[in-house]
Amino acid sequence: MASFRITGGKHLNGELEVQGAKNEALQVICACLLTKEKVRIENIPDIRDVNNLISLLEFIGAKVTKEAQGTFVFQCSDINFELLYTEEYAERSSSLRGSVMLLGPCLARFSKAHIPTPGGDKIGRRRLDTHFKGFENLGARISYNFETMSYDVEAKKLKGSYMLLDETSVTGTANIIMASVFAEGTTTVFNAACEPYVYQLCTMLNSMGAKIQGVGSNLLTIQGVETLHGCNHRLLPDMIEIGSFIGLAAMTRSNIRLKNVAWKHLGLIPEVFRRLGIKTEKEADDMIIPPQEVYEIEKFMDGSIMSVSDAPWPGFTPDLISIALVVSTMAKGSVLIHQKMFESRLFFVDKLIDMGAKIILCDPHRATVIGNERKYPLRGIRMSSPDIRAGVALLIAAMSAEGTSIIDNIEQIDRGYQNIDTRLNNIGAEIERIN
């Protein structure tokens, strides 16, 4: 198990290339199962979760060729479906939340799918009902084996139908889309997630020969086709990493330029950080975060305390709630952070309190942060990363703190951020990876 030793108080200065979007990568790599032809994907991030998914595809017979850094060619012409029932597959897939998105492509192409209960961050209940109800609407049968803790989905022939999703689930929407591309007739999905990841998945599938209308909206219409062919696809920059670096720059009073951020796909992210007092500047498709000695949280028009909450797209993404929270600790003013979608994502605040932050954890979903305007800097401590996003929030806190901090269990951070220690050290950070 590895740890980070961070010397705080460093001001960073320089450029950062934003990695490819992790959540998009997990979806479009699974979509490669829908064709026997070659699919070339660029800008794939070199992170633990994505690498594990690629390895999982190789295990069941996919041919994967690395053309260059971040560019891979996938060919899924000879898949050995029986390997999905082996203990090794169960061990590999159960540790990876993204493996759930293999269900839709397998069901579409092989008329059956099998998956152990997927893993991922421990951030509260993350039900799969939306996925399975969508498959049932297409005519599939679902069964659960309590002994092996695995799901089986079968359908001799999927048939298109109308469905109103009970939850705006990103992965659920992606799975239903991938299952529907070969379904007989027309599938209509209302209350579909419309995050950039889903937009990109639909764009890629259409380039492969799918017929999906309403891309980018919450009403998708999918006309079934017989086959899909290969394509070239490039991932968007990771908007969660962009938001994380905005928070990092503010907390450490750094001057950072983020290259090629795809502004039009960032939604409310720049606006929410602006409400927290953080300035961002647009130059072509780059984002510049200038150093700020003080940043002040806005109040609502009636003078009441600002609140920041997550919501399905185009609302503020839940993956950046922990970043907004840690950034607020050094701001001027107070804010209510409301994590609506997951009930365990705020439980890392005890570490921030130990570092000297003024936070009241109201309940599993809400925390009030009283910013101290940098009058009392955070102090370095030893702590552990509970999940990907909380881990990066703690890293940001440690980089702004006085003294030295150690963060254990950084494998969680490595799941979502590519070589983050090396990249930040190159622009002035002092982060040491230790075993």
Protein backbone atom coordinates (compact mmCIF):
# COMPACT_ATOMS: atom_id res chain seq x y z
CA MET A 1 0.00 0.00 0.00
CA ALA A 2 1.36 3.41 -1.01
CA SER A 3 1.08 6.85 0.57
CA PHE A 4 1.74 10.48 -0.33
CA ARG A 5 3.99 12.66 1.81
CA ILE A 6 3.04 16.27 1.05
CA THR A 7 4.95 19.38 2.04
CA GLY A 8 2.32 22.10 2.18
CA GLY A 9 2.45 25.79 1.48
CA LYS A 10 3.83 25.59 -2.07
CA HIS A 11 2.53 27.98 -4.75
CA LEU A 12 2.28 26.29 -8.14
CA ASN A 13 2.88 27.95 -11.49
CA GLY A 14 2.59 26.42 -14.95
CA GLU A 15 0.49 24.48 -17.45
CA LEU A 16 -1.37 21.20 -17.01
CA GLU A 17 -2.71 18.95 -19.74
CA VAL A 18 -6.08 17.59 -18.66
CA GLN A 19 -6.42 13.81 -18.87
CA GLY A 20 -9.18 12.10 -20.84
CA ALA A 21 -12.51 11.68 -19.08
CA LYS A 22 -12.50 8.62 -16.84
CA ASN A 23 -16.28 8.12 -16.80
CA GLU A 24 -16.52 8.43 -20.58
CA ALA A 25 -13.65 5.98 -21.05
CA LEU A 26 -15.43 3.29 -19.01
CA GLN A 27 -18.54 3.61 -21.19
CA VAL A 28 -17.02 3.75 -24.66
CA ILE A 29 -14.55 0.93 -23.95
CA CYS A 30 -17.48 -1.32 -22.99
CA ALA A 31 -19.24 -0.25 -26.21
CA CYS A 32 -16.42 -1.84 -28.23
CA LEU A 33 -18.10 -5.20 -27.49
CA LEU A 34 -20.94 -4.21 -29.84
CA THR A 35 -18.87 -4.79 -32.99
CA LYS A 36 -16.41 -7.33 -34.32
CA GLU A 37 -14.53 -4.59 -36.13
CA LYS A 38 -11.69 -2.42 -34.81
CA VAL A 39 -12.49 0.60 -32.66
CA ARG A 40 -9.76 3.19 -32.15
CA ILE A 41 -10.04 5.42 -29.08
CA GLU A 42 -7.77 8.38 -28.31
CA ASN A 43 -7.06 10.27 -25.08
CA ILE A 44 -7.64 7.28 -22.77
CA PRO A 45 -6.33 8.14 -19.28
CA ASP A 46 -3.66 5.93 -17.73
CA ILE A 47 -5.50 5.30 -14.46
CA ARG A 48 -6.25 2.23 -12.38
CA ASP A 49 -9.99 1.83 -13.10
CA VAL A 50 -9.60 2.21 -16.86
CA ASN A 51 -6.57 -0.07 -17.01
CA ASN A 52 -8.47 -2.72 -15.03
CA LEU A 53 -11.39 -2.55 -17.48
CA ILE A 54 -9.05 -2.93 -20.46
CA SER A 55 -7.44 -5.92 -18.76
CA LEU A 56 -10.89 -7.40 -18.13
CA LEU A 57 -11.77 -7.16 -21.83
CA GLU A 58 -8.47 -8.79 -22.76
CA PHE A 59 -9.22 -11.61 -20.32
CA ILE A 60 -12.44 -12.53 -22.17
CA GLY A 61 -10.74 -12.45 -25.57
CA ALA A 62 -10.62 -8.86 -26.83
CA LYS A 63 -7.52 -7.90 -28.79
CA VAL A 64 -6.16 -4.62 -27.48
CA THR A 65 -3.30 -2.78 -29.19
CA LYS A 66 -1.65 0.31 -27.71
CA GLU A 67 -0.72 2.57 -30.63
CA ALA A 68 0.60 5.48 -28.57
CA GLN A 69 0.23 6.99 -25.13
CA GLY A 70 -3.52 7.19 -24.57
CA THR A 71 -4.46 5.65 -27.94
CA PHE A 72 -5.75 2.07 -28.11
CA VAL A 73 -7.35 -0.12 -30.76
CA PHE A 74 -9.95 -2.65 -29.55
CA GLN A 75 -11.21 -5.61 -31.56
CA CYS A 76 -13.81 -7.85 -29.91
CA SER A 77 -14.29 -10.40 -32.70
CA ASP A 78 -13.46 -13.53 -30.66
CA ILE A 79 -15.03 -13.16 -27.22
CA ASN A 80 -15.11 -16.29 -25.04
CA PHE A 81 -18.36 -15.68 -23.16
CA GLU A 82 -17.89 -18.70 -20.89
CA LEU A 83 -14.99 -16.93 -19.19
CA LEU A 84 -17.54 -14.58 -17.60
CA TYR A 85 -18.55 -17.45 -15.31
CA THR A 86 -15.06 -18.13 -13.97
CA GLU A 87 -13.74 -17.22 -10.51
CA GLU A 88 -10.99 -15.10 -12.05
CA TYR A 89 -13.52 -12.98 -13.93
CA ALA A 90 -15.58 -12.60 -10.77
CA GLU A 91 -12.54 -11.42 -8.84
CA ARG A 92 -11.50 -8.94 -11.56
CA SER A 93 -14.94 -7.45 -12.23
CA SER A 94 -16.22 -7.27 -8.64
CA SER A 95 -13.52 -4.75 -7.76
CA LEU A 96 -14.51 -2.42 -10.62
CA ARG A 97 -17.74 -0.42 -10.64
CA GLY A 98 -17.41 0.25 -14.37
CA SER A 99 -17.78 -3.47 -15.13
CA VAL A 100 -21.55 -3.04 -14.76
CA MET A 101 -21.56 -1.38 -18.20
CA LEU A 102 -20.58 -4.67 -19.83
CA LEU A 103 -24.14 -5.86 -19.22
CA GLY A 104 -25.79 -3.84 -21.99
CA PRO A 105 -23.32 -4.69 -24.79
CA CYS A 106 -23.24 -8.39 -23.83
CA LEU A 107 -27.03 -8.59 -23.74
CA ALA A 108 -27.29 -6.87 -27.14
CA ARG A 109 -24.68 -8.98 -28.88
CA PHE A 110 -24.84 -12.36 -27.13
CA SER A 111 -28.47 -12.31 -25.88
CA LYS A 112 -27.23 -12.86 -22.33
CA ALA A 113 -25.05 -11.20 -19.75
CA HIS A 114 -23.48 -12.17 -16.43
CA ILE A 115 -21.81 -10.02 -13.80
CA PRO A 116 -20.87 -10.33 -10.12
CA THR A 117 -22.01 -7.48 -7.88
CA PRO A 118 -19.73 -4.60 -8.94
CA GLY A 119 -17.46 -2.73 -6.53
CA GLY A 120 -16.33 0.91 -6.58
CA ASP A 121 -16.30 3.77 -4.11
CA LYS A 122 -17.98 3.23 -0.73
CA ILE A 123 -20.14 6.33 -0.91
CA GLY A 124 -23.50 4.87 0.06
CA ARG A 125 -26.13 2.85 -1.76
CA ARG A 126 -25.68 2.70 -5.52
CA ARG A 127 -28.57 0.60 -6.72
CA LEU A 128 -28.74 -1.09 -10.10
CA ASP A 129 -32.53 -1.14 -10.42
CA THR A 130 -32.57 1.41 -13.27
CA HIS A 131 -30.28 -0.82 -15.35
CA PHE A 132 -32.34 -3.96 -14.82
CA LYS A 133 -35.76 -2.33 -15.21
CA GLY A 134 -34.54 -0.94 -18.51
CA PHE A 135 -33.46 -4.41 -19.65
CA GLU A 136 -36.84 -5.84 -18.56
CA ASN A 137 -38.59 -3.18 -20.64
CA LEU A 138 -36.67 -4.53 -23.62
CA GLY A 139 -37.87 -8.07 -22.87
CA ALA A 140 -34.99 -9.46 -20.81
CA ARG A 141 -35.28 -11.73 -17.76
CA ILE A 142 -33.20 -10.96 -14.67
CA SER A 143 -32.05 -13.41 -12.00
CA TYR A 144 -29.79 -13.02 -8.96
CA ASN A 145 -27.72 -15.81 -7.40
CA PHE A 146 -27.33 -15.17 -3.68
CA GLU A 147 -24.55 -17.76 -3.31
CA THR A 148 -22.28 -16.28 -6.00
CA MET A 149 -23.68 -12.73 -5.55
CA SER A 150 -24.03 -12.38 -9.32
CA TYR A 151 -26.63 -11.26 -11.84
CA ASP A 152 -27.75 -13.03 -15.01
CA VAL A 153 -29.69 -11.32 -17.78
CA GLU A 154 -31.14 -13.20 -20.77
CA ALA A 155 -33.30 -12.38 -23.78
CA LYS A 156 -33.75 -14.39 -26.98
CA LYS A 157 -34.73 -11.22 -28.82
CA LEU A 158 -34.77 -7.70 -27.45
CA LYS A 159 -37.69 -5.54 -28.55
CA GLY A 160 -37.84 -1.76 -28.44
CA SER A 161 -40.22 -0.09 -26.02
CA TYR A 162 -41.04 3.20 -24.32
CA MET A 163 -39.57 3.64 -20.85
CA LEU A 164 -39.57 6.41 -18.26
CA LEU A 165 -36.52 5.97 -16.05
CA ASP A 166 -37.18 6.23 -12.31
CA GLU A 167 -33.68 7.65 -11.79
CA THR A 168 -31.49 9.84 -14.00
CA SER A 169 -28.66 7.33 -13.81
CA VAL A 170 -25.64 7.94 -16.06
CA THR A 171 -24.47 4.32 -16.11
CA GLY A 172 -28.06 3.07 -16.25
CA THR A 173 -28.78 5.26 -19.27
CA ALA A 174 -25.55 4.12 -20.95
CA ASN A 175 -26.37 0.45 -20.37
CA ILE A 176 -29.90 0.82 -21.73
CA ILE A 177 -28.64 2.67 -24.83
CA MET A 178 -26.08 -0.04 -25.58
CA ALA A 179 -28.65 -2.80 -25.05
CA SER A 180 -31.15 -1.02 -27.34
CA VAL A 181 -29.00 -0.50 -30.43
CA PHE A 182 -29.82 -4.02 -31.74
CA ALA A 183 -33.37 -4.22 -30.32
CA GLU A 184 -36.16 -4.80 -32.81
CA GLY A 185 -38.10 -1.62 -33.50
CA THR A 186 -37.87 1.69 -31.65
CA THR A 187 -36.81 2.33 -28.07
CA THR A 188 -37.75 5.61 -26.40
CA VAL A 189 -35.95 6.55 -23.19
CA PHE A 190 -37.39 9.49 -21.21
CA ASN A 191 -35.61 11.00 -18.17
CA ALA A 192 -32.33 9.79 -19.65
CA ALA A 193 -29.11 11.17 -18.22
CA CYS A 194 -27.65 13.78 -20.55
CA GLU A 195 -24.14 14.18 -19.10
CA PRO A 196 -21.33 14.79 -21.61
CA TYR A 197 -20.31 11.14 -21.11
CA VAL A 198 -23.67 9.94 -22.46
CA TYR A 199 -23.51 12.52 -25.26
CA GLN A 200 -20.11 11.15 -26.26
CA LEU A 201 -21.27 7.53 -26.08
CA CYS A 202 -24.22 8.27 -28.36
CA THR A 203 -21.99 10.20 -30.76
CA MET A 204 -19.59 7.25 -30.95
CA LEU A 205 -22.39 4.71 -31.46
CA ASN A 206 -23.93 6.81 -34.23
CA SER A 207 -20.53 6.93 -35.95
CA MET A 208 -20.57 3.11 -35.75
CA GLY A 209 -23.93 2.94 -37.53
CA ALA A 210 -26.43 3.22 -34.68
CA LYS A 211 -29.55 5.37 -35.07
CA ILE A 212 -29.92 7.47 -31.94
CA GLN A 213 -31.87 10.72 -31.94
CA GLY A 214 -32.12 13.36 -29.22
CA VAL A 215 -28.43 13.11 -28.33
CA GLY A 216 -27.63 15.52 -25.53
CA SER A 217 -31.23 15.68 -24.27
CA ASN A 218 -33.18 13.64 -21.71
CA LEU A 219 -35.39 12.10 -24.42
CA LEU A 220 -33.60 9.55 -26.59
CA THR A 221 -35.06 7.62 -29.50
CA ILE A 222 -33.13 4.55 -30.64
CA GLN A 223 -34.00 2.73 -33.84
CA GLY A 224 -32.58 -0.80 -33.75
CA VAL A 225 -30.04 -1.84 -36.40
CA GLU A 226 -28.60 -5.20 -37.42
CA THR A 227 -24.89 -4.54 -36.93
CA LEU A 228 -22.36 -1.88 -35.98
CA HIS A 229 -18.98 -1.24 -37.57
CA GLY A 230 -15.71 0.16 -36.28
CA CYS A 231 -14.87 3.83 -35.76
CA ASN A 232 -12.39 6.37 -34.43
CA HIS A 233 -13.30 8.23 -31.24
CA ARG A 234 -11.60 10.78 -29.00
CA LEU A 235 -12.46 11.27 -25.33
CA LEU A 236 -13.33 14.65 -23.88
CA PRO A 237 -11.04 16.15 -21.24
CA ASP A 238 -12.05 15.06 -17.74
CA MET A 239 -14.32 17.75 -16.29
CA ILE A 240 -13.85 16.33 -12.77
CA GLU A 241 -10.10 16.79 -13.04
CA ILE A 242 -10.68 20.32 -14.34
CA GLY A 243 -12.84 21.14 -11.32
CA SER A 244 -10.27 19.57 -9.01
CA PHE A 245 -7.49 21.74 -10.45
CA ILE A 246 -9.64 24.87 -10.11
CA GLY A 247 -9.99 24.09 -6.41
CA LEU A 248 -6.30 23.28 -6.08
CA ALA A 249 -5.24 26.58 -7.66
CA ALA A 250 -7.52 28.58 -5.35
CA MET A 251 -6.44 26.82 -2.16
CA THR A 252 -2.70 27.09 -2.90
CA ARG A 253 -2.79 30.62 -4.42
CA SER A 254 -1.35 29.20 -7.64
CA ASN A 255 -1.26 30.40 -11.23
CA ILE A 256 -2.35 27.47 -13.41
CA ARG A 257 -3.29 27.19 -17.07
CA LEU A 258 -5.37 24.14 -18.03
CA LYS A 259 -4.92 23.22 -21.69
CA ASN A 260 -7.86 22.40 -23.98
CA VAL A 261 -10.64 22.05 -21.43
CA ALA A 262 -13.60 21.84 -23.89
CA TRP A 263 -15.44 24.77 -22.31
CA LYS A 264 -18.79 23.99 -23.96
CA HIS A 265 -18.98 20.67 -22.07
CA LEU A 266 -18.23 22.08 -18.58
CA GLY A 267 -21.78 23.08 -17.75
CA LEU A 268 -22.13 24.84 -14.37
CA ILE A 269 -18.67 23.95 -13.10
CA PRO A 270 -17.00 27.35 -13.72
CA GLU A 271 -20.12 29.15 -12.47
CA VAL A 272 -20.29 27.26 -9.15
CA PHE A 273 -16.64 27.99 -8.43
CA ARG A 274 -17.30 31.63 -9.36
CA ARG A 275 -20.02 31.73 -6.69
CA LEU A 276 -17.38 30.52 -4.24
CA GLY A 277 -15.28 33.54 -5.26
CA ILE A 278 -12.81 31.79 -7.56
CA LYS A 279 -11.89 33.50 -10.83
CA THR A 280 -11.34 31.62 -14.06
CA GLU A 281 -10.35 33.14 -17.40
CA LYS A 282 -11.03 31.79 -20.89
CA GLU A 283 -8.32 32.02 -23.52
CA ALA A 284 -9.21 30.11 -26.69
CA ASP A 285 -10.05 26.65 -25.24
CA ASP A 286 -7.65 27.01 -22.29
CA MET A 287 -8.66 27.90 -18.75
CA ILE A 288 -6.47 30.16 -16.62
CA ILE A 289 -6.90 30.21 -12.84
CA PRO A 290 -5.00 33.25 -11.52
CA PRO A 291 -3.62 33.40 -7.96
CA GLN A 292 -6.01 34.91 -5.41
CA GLU A 293 -5.05 35.96 -1.91
CA VAL A 294 -8.72 36.13 -0.89
CA TYR A 295 -11.82 34.71 -2.52
CA GLU A 296 -15.25 35.51 -1.11
CA ILE A 297 -18.34 33.29 -1.20
CA GLU A 298 -21.42 35.00 -2.62
CA LYS A 299 -24.68 35.30 -0.71
CA PHE A 300 -28.11 34.80 -2.20
CA MET A 301 -29.93 37.94 -3.31
CA ASP A 302 -31.89 38.12 -0.04
CA GLY A 303 -28.64 38.00 1.95
CA SER A 304 -29.00 34.39 3.09
CA ILE A 305 -26.13 31.89 3.16
CA MET A 306 -25.08 30.40 -0.18
CA SER A 307 -25.72 26.69 -0.72
CA VAL A 308 -24.01 24.38 -3.21
CA SER A 309 -25.74 21.13 -4.09
CA ASP A 310 -25.35 18.39 -6.66
CA ALA A 311 -27.91 17.42 -9.27
CA PRO A 312 -28.18 15.42 -12.50
CA TRP A 313 -26.72 17.21 -15.53
CA PRO A 314 -26.88 20.06 -16.33
CA GLY A 315 -26.74 20.53 -12.55
CA PHE A 316 -23.48 20.53 -10.59
CA THR A 317 -21.83 17.12 -10.70
CA PRO A 318 -21.70 15.18 -7.39
CA ASP A 319 -18.07 14.24 -8.10
CA LEU A 320 -17.03 17.84 -7.34
CA ILE A 321 -18.97 18.36 -4.12
CA SER A 322 -15.95 17.33 -2.00
CA ILE A 323 -13.77 19.81 -3.93
CA ALA A 324 -16.25 22.65 -3.37
CA LEU A 325 -16.31 21.78 0.32
CA VAL A 326 -12.55 21.83 0.87
CA VAL A 327 -12.15 25.04 -1.16
CA SER A 328 -14.71 26.77 1.09
CA THR A 329 -12.61 26.22 4.22
CA MET A 330 -10.17 28.98 3.21
CA ALA A 331 -12.76 31.34 1.68
CA LYS A 332 -14.26 34.49 3.14
CA GLY A 333 -17.83 33.66 4.12
CA SER A 334 -19.89 30.56 4.78
CA VAL A 335 -21.66 28.00 2.63
CA LEU A 336 -23.99 25.03 3.03
CA ILE A 337 -22.75 22.01 1.06
CA HIS A 338 -25.63 19.65 0.23
CA GLN A 339 -24.68 16.25 -1.19
CA LYS A 340 -28.08 14.96 -2.29
CA MET A 341 -27.18 11.91 -4.34
CA PHE A 342 -24.92 9.86 -2.02
CA GLU A 343 -25.18 9.54 1.73
CA SER A 344 -21.56 8.73 2.63
CA ARG A 345 -19.59 11.20 0.58
CA LEU A 346 -19.21 13.83 3.31
CA PHE A 347 -17.78 11.51 5.95
CA PHE A 348 -14.21 12.59 5.12
CA VAL A 349 -14.77 15.98 6.75
CA ASP A 350 -13.51 14.69 10.11
CA LYS A 351 -10.01 14.77 8.59
CA LEU A 352 -10.48 18.40 7.55
CA ILE A 353 -11.71 19.25 11.05
CA ASP A 354 -8.56 17.62 12.47
CA MET A 355 -6.58 19.91 10.16
CA GLY A 356 -8.30 22.95 11.65
CA ALA A 357 -11.22 23.53 9.27
CA LYS A 358 -14.46 24.93 10.65
CA ILE A 359 -17.12 22.51 9.45
CA ILE A 360 -20.41 21.41 10.99
CA LEU A 361 -21.56 18.04 9.65
CA CYS A 362 -25.32 18.48 9.92
CA ASP A 363 -26.25 14.98 8.70
CA PRO A 364 -24.96 12.48 6.10
CA HIS A 365 -25.99 14.84 3.29
CA ARG A 366 -25.24 18.36 4.55
CA ALA A 367 -22.25 20.23 5.96
CA THR A 368 -21.91 23.89 6.84
CA VAL A 369 -18.46 25.34 6.15
CA ILE A 370 -17.33 28.53 7.88
CA GLY A 371 -14.46 29.90 5.82
CA ASN A 372 -11.62 31.51 7.79
CA GLU A 373 -10.29 33.80 5.03
CA ARG A 374 -6.78 32.23 5.39
CA LYS A 375 -6.43 33.71 8.88
CA TYR A 376 -5.81 30.25 10.33
CA PRO A 377 -4.07 27.91 7.86
CA LEU A 378 -4.79 24.21 7.90
CA ARG A 379 -2.16 22.04 9.62
CA GLY A 380 -0.59 18.87 8.26
CA ILE A 381 -1.77 15.51 9.66
CA ARG A 382 -1.81 11.82 8.69
CA MET A 383 -5.02 10.63 7.07
CA SER A 384 -6.41 8.01 4.67
CA SER A 385 -8.17 8.41 1.34
CA PRO A 386 -11.69 6.89 1.57
CA ASP A 387 -12.59 7.26 -2.13
CA ILE A 388 -11.33 8.92 -5.31
CA ARG A 389 -12.86 12.38 -4.94
CA ALA A 390 -12.46 12.71 -1.17
CA GLY A 391 -8.85 11.58 -1.62
CA VAL A 392 -8.12 14.44 -4.01
CA ALA A 393 -9.94 16.89 -1.72
CA LEU A 394 -7.63 15.80 1.11
CA LEU A 395 -4.62 16.15 -1.20
CA ILE A 396 -5.68 19.73 -1.99
CA ALA A 397 -6.08 20.46 1.73
CA ALA A 398 -2.63 19.00 2.46
CA MET A 399 -1.00 21.07 -0.29
CA SER A 400 -2.42 24.26 1.24
CA ALA A 401 -1.61 23.32 4.85
CA GLU A 402 1.32 24.28 7.04
CA GLY A 403 3.81 21.48 7.57
CA THR A 404 3.82 17.92 6.28
CA SER A 405 0.86 15.62 5.69
CA ILE A 406 0.71 11.94 4.84
CA ILE A 407 -2.23 10.46 2.91
CA ASP A 408 -2.53 6.67 3.02
CA ASN A 409 -4.50 4.44 0.65
CA ILE A 410 -3.64 6.59 -2.37
CA GLU A 411 -4.58 3.69 -4.62
CA GLN A 412 -8.02 5.30 -4.43
CA ILE A 413 -6.64 8.52 -5.95
CA ASP A 414 -4.77 6.52 -8.62
CA ARG A 415 -8.11 5.04 -9.71
CA GLY A 416 -9.16 8.41 -11.12
CA TYR A 417 -6.15 10.71 -11.54
CA GLN A 418 -3.26 10.00 -13.91
CA ASN A 419 0.21 10.42 -12.35
CA ILE A 420 -1.12 13.31 -10.29
CA ASP A 421 1.96 13.55 -8.07
CA THR A 422 4.38 13.77 -11.03
CA ARG A 423 2.26 16.29 -12.91
CA LEU A 424 1.84 18.58 -9.91
CA ASN A 425 5.49 18.28 -8.90
CA ASN A 426 6.42 19.51 -12.38
CA ILE A 427 4.76 22.86 -11.63
CA GLY A 428 6.04 23.36 -8.09
CA ALA A 429 4.34 20.91 -5.73
CA GLU A 430 6.27 18.76 -3.28
CA ILE A 431 4.58 15.36 -3.21
CA GLU A 432 6.53 12.18 -2.50
CA ARG A 433 5.11 8.73 -3.22
CA ILE A 434 6.20 6.33 -0.45
CA ASN A 435 5.55 2.65 0.27
